[in-house]
Amino acid sequence: MKKLSLNIVLLFSLVFYSCGTIKVASDYDSEADFSKYKTYAFYKAGIDKVEISDIDKKRILKSIKKSFTNKGMSINETPDLLINISTKSSENIYIDNSFYSPYYAGWYPHYGRRSHSRVAYSTSEGALYIDVIDTKSKQLIWQGKGIGVLSSTKANRDELIENFVNKILEVYPPTLSEE
């Protein structure tokens, strides 16, 4: 019973810890002059292809818009930049090999231990990519990626997605200290 209680506490601790962690990475064109970009628009053709719910797309775009507005940029019909998003997801299954049961084998019954593998829990890990494209050169000049645990049961998805987007865009535009 103690082992079962310890496993449950450990499982919940791991799940709660992993839910708050977002790993972020970015890359950029070192020749791009980020100070000259003042306006942007969303790349509708690319965003329409993203295979997530329209509600989550709306949440992501709203969060990007809020972040770019806070950075002094504005949406424009003839933008300096196009913003595109893409996503990937994967299922992580965790196996628990700590379950044992007695068994009898052969003509002479004897007591032994037999290991059974079972799924302890699984999580969905998702990646959100935010691409920034120079409209004049038609080149990708910055890409940010955030990876974290997804949950479809979270009550406050607006806040979760905004936090995810903000973590990615914290490093946009790149600063001299990143070079």
Protein backbone atom coordinates (compact mmCIF):
# COMPACT_ATOMS: atom_id res chain seq x y z
CA MET A 1 0.00 0.00 0.00
CA LYS A 2 2.85 2.36 0.84
CA LYS A 3 4.45 1.67 -2.56
CA LEU A 4 1.16 2.40 -4.35
CA SER A 5 0.76 5.70 -2.44
CA LEU A 6 4.34 6.67 -3.21
CA ASN A 7 3.85 5.89 -6.93
CA ILE A 8 0.70 8.04 -7.05
CA VAL A 9 2.43 10.97 -5.34
CA LEU A 10 5.44 10.59 -7.64
CA LEU A 11 3.19 10.43 -10.72
CA PHE A 12 1.27 13.59 -9.79
CA SER A 13 4.47 15.43 -8.92
CA LEU A 14 5.98 14.56 -12.30
CA VAL A 15 2.83 15.54 -14.21
CA PHE A 16 2.48 18.90 -12.41
CA TYR A 17 6.19 19.64 -12.82
CA SER A 18 6.13 18.84 -16.55
CA CYS A 19 2.99 20.90 -17.18
CA GLY A 20 4.77 24.09 -16.18
CA THR A 21 7.88 23.53 -18.25
CA ILE A 22 8.21 25.03 -21.72
CA LYS A 23 11.48 24.53 -23.55
CA VAL A 24 12.23 27.37 -25.98
CA ALA A 25 14.74 27.68 -28.80
CA SER A 26 15.17 30.22 -31.57
CA ASP A 27 17.31 30.90 -34.60
CA TYR A 28 17.67 33.94 -36.82
CA ASP A 29 19.39 35.39 -39.85
CA SER A 30 22.36 37.33 -38.47
CA GLU A 31 22.32 39.62 -41.53
CA ALA A 32 18.76 40.82 -40.92
CA ASP A 33 18.31 44.31 -39.44
CA PHE A 34 15.46 43.74 -36.99
CA SER A 35 15.26 47.44 -36.08
CA LYS A 36 13.76 48.29 -39.49
CA TYR A 37 10.69 46.06 -39.07
CA LYS A 38 7.65 47.93 -37.76
CA THR A 39 4.62 46.20 -39.31
CA TYR A 40 3.43 42.63 -39.76
CA ALA A 41 0.56 40.50 -41.00
CA PHE A 42 -0.36 36.87 -40.53
CA TYR A 43 0.36 34.45 -43.38
CA LYS A 44 -3.19 33.16 -43.80
CA ALA A 45 -2.39 30.46 -46.39
CA GLY A 46 0.16 28.86 -44.06
CA ILE A 47 -1.91 29.23 -40.91
CA ASP A 48 -4.97 27.67 -42.57
CA LYS A 49 -2.93 24.47 -43.10
CA VAL A 50 -2.12 24.04 -39.40
CA GLU A 51 -3.97 21.01 -38.07
CA ILE A 52 -5.23 22.28 -34.73
CA SER A 53 -8.64 23.54 -33.71
CA ASP A 54 -9.71 26.91 -35.04
CA ILE A 55 -10.24 28.02 -31.44
CA ASP A 56 -6.61 27.24 -30.54
CA LYS A 57 -5.42 28.98 -33.73
CA LYS A 58 -7.38 32.04 -32.68
CA ARG A 59 -5.82 31.89 -29.21
CA ILE A 60 -2.30 31.61 -30.65
CA LEU A 61 -2.78 34.47 -33.13
CA LYS A 62 -4.34 36.68 -30.44
CA SER A 63 -1.34 36.02 -28.18
CA ILE A 64 1.14 36.76 -30.99
CA LYS A 65 -0.70 39.98 -31.83
CA LYS A 66 -0.63 41.06 -28.17
CA SER A 67 3.10 40.29 -27.89
CA PHE A 68 4.00 42.13 -31.12
CA THR A 69 1.86 45.13 -30.10
CA ASN A 70 3.76 45.25 -26.78
CA LYS A 71 6.98 45.30 -28.83
CA GLY A 72 5.76 48.42 -30.70
CA MET A 73 4.72 46.68 -33.93
CA SER A 74 1.39 46.97 -35.71
CA ILE A 75 -0.66 44.98 -38.21
CA ASN A 76 -0.65 46.45 -41.71
CA GLU A 77 -2.00 45.59 -45.19
CA THR A 78 1.50 46.04 -46.66
CA PRO A 79 3.63 44.60 -43.85
CA ASP A 80 7.38 44.41 -43.36
CA LEU A 81 6.97 40.90 -41.95
CA LEU A 82 4.72 37.89 -42.38
CA ILE A 83 4.04 35.68 -39.35
CA ASN A 84 3.36 31.98 -39.84
CA ILE A 85 2.80 29.23 -37.30
CA SER A 86 3.09 25.46 -37.40
CA THR A 87 2.69 22.70 -34.85
CA LYS A 88 3.83 19.17 -34.14
CA SER A 89 2.80 16.77 -31.43
CA SER A 90 3.90 13.42 -30.11
CA GLU A 91 2.61 10.97 -27.52
CA ASN A 92 4.98 9.95 -24.73
CA ILE A 93 4.09 6.70 -22.99
CA TYR A 94 5.74 5.88 -19.67
CA ILE A 95 6.03 2.21 -18.70
CA ASP A 96 6.01 1.02 -15.10
CA ASN A 97 7.80 -2.32 -14.60
CA SER A 98 7.31 -2.43 -10.83
CA PHE A 99 4.19 -4.64 -10.77
CA TYR A 100 4.87 -8.24 -9.72
CA SER A 101 2.52 -11.18 -9.29
CA PRO A 102 2.90 -14.75 -8.04
CA TYR A 103 2.71 -17.62 -10.52
CA TYR A 104 2.99 -21.38 -10.62
CA ALA A 105 4.78 -23.14 -13.47
CA GLY A 106 5.44 -26.68 -14.72
CA TRP A 107 4.62 -29.98 -13.00
CA TYR A 108 5.99 -28.81 -9.69
CA PRO A 109 4.22 -25.74 -8.47
CA HIS A 110 6.52 -23.19 -6.94
CA TYR A 111 6.10 -19.63 -5.91
CA GLY A 112 7.94 -17.00 -7.90
CA ARG A 113 7.77 -13.46 -9.11
CA ARG A 114 6.82 -12.47 -12.59
CA SER A 115 7.24 -8.96 -13.93
CA HIS A 116 4.44 -7.29 -15.86
CA SER A 117 4.90 -4.09 -17.82
CA ARG A 118 2.02 -1.67 -17.83
CA VAL A 119 1.47 1.87 -18.97
CA ALA A 120 1.91 4.11 -15.95
CA TYR A 121 0.76 7.24 -17.77
CA SER A 122 1.08 9.04 -21.05
CA THR A 123 1.42 12.67 -22.04
CA SER A 124 1.14 14.59 -25.26
CA GLU A 125 4.06 16.85 -26.03
CA GLY A 126 3.53 19.63 -28.49
CA ALA A 127 5.75 22.02 -30.38
CA LEU A 128 4.69 25.43 -31.63
CA TYR A 129 6.83 27.10 -34.27
CA ILE A 130 6.53 30.81 -34.98
CA ASP A 131 8.15 31.88 -38.26
CA VAL A 132 8.95 35.50 -39.12
CA ILE A 133 9.42 36.17 -42.84
CA ASP A 134 10.79 39.33 -44.47
CA THR A 135 8.20 40.32 -47.11
CA LYS A 136 10.72 42.03 -49.41
CA SER A 137 13.29 39.22 -49.56
CA LYS A 138 10.70 36.48 -48.94
CA GLN A 139 13.21 34.85 -46.58
CA LEU A 140 12.74 33.38 -43.13
CA ILE A 141 14.61 35.72 -40.77
CA TRP A 142 13.59 34.34 -37.36
CA GLN A 143 12.07 31.14 -36.02
CA GLY A 144 11.04 30.43 -32.47
CA LYS A 145 10.04 27.04 -31.13
CA GLY A 146 8.39 26.12 -27.86
CA ILE A 147 7.98 22.55 -26.65
CA GLY A 148 5.78 21.59 -23.72
CA VAL A 149 3.21 19.18 -22.39
CA LEU A 150 -0.25 19.58 -23.86
CA SER A 151 -3.49 19.00 -22.05
CA SER A 152 -6.97 19.05 -23.48
CA THR A 153 -8.50 19.05 -20.00
CA LYS A 154 -7.09 22.36 -18.79
CA ALA A 155 -9.85 24.79 -17.94
CA ASN A 156 -7.91 27.94 -18.77
CA ARG A 157 -6.46 27.25 -22.21
CA ASP A 158 -6.36 30.99 -23.07
CA GLU A 159 -3.83 31.61 -20.31
CA LEU A 160 -1.83 28.45 -21.09
CA ILE A 161 -1.50 29.29 -24.78
CA GLU A 162 -0.67 32.93 -24.06
CA ASN A 163 2.08 31.80 -21.68
CA PHE A 164 3.40 29.37 -24.33
CA VAL A 165 3.52 32.09 -27.03
CA ASN A 166 5.04 34.66 -24.66
CA LYS A 167 7.85 32.28 -23.71
CA ILE A 168 8.71 31.80 -27.39
CA LEU A 169 8.52 35.51 -28.26
CA GLU A 170 10.56 36.61 -25.22
CA VAL A 171 13.64 36.22 -27.43
CA TYR A 172 12.23 38.16 -30.40
CA PRO A 173 13.77 40.30 -31.76
CA PRO A 174 17.23 38.91 -31.14
CA THR A 175 19.49 41.21 -29.14
CA LEU A 176 23.22 41.83 -29.36
CA SER A 177 23.75 39.58 -26.33
CA GLU A 178 22.37 36.63 -28.35
CA GLU A 179 24.83 37.12 -31.20
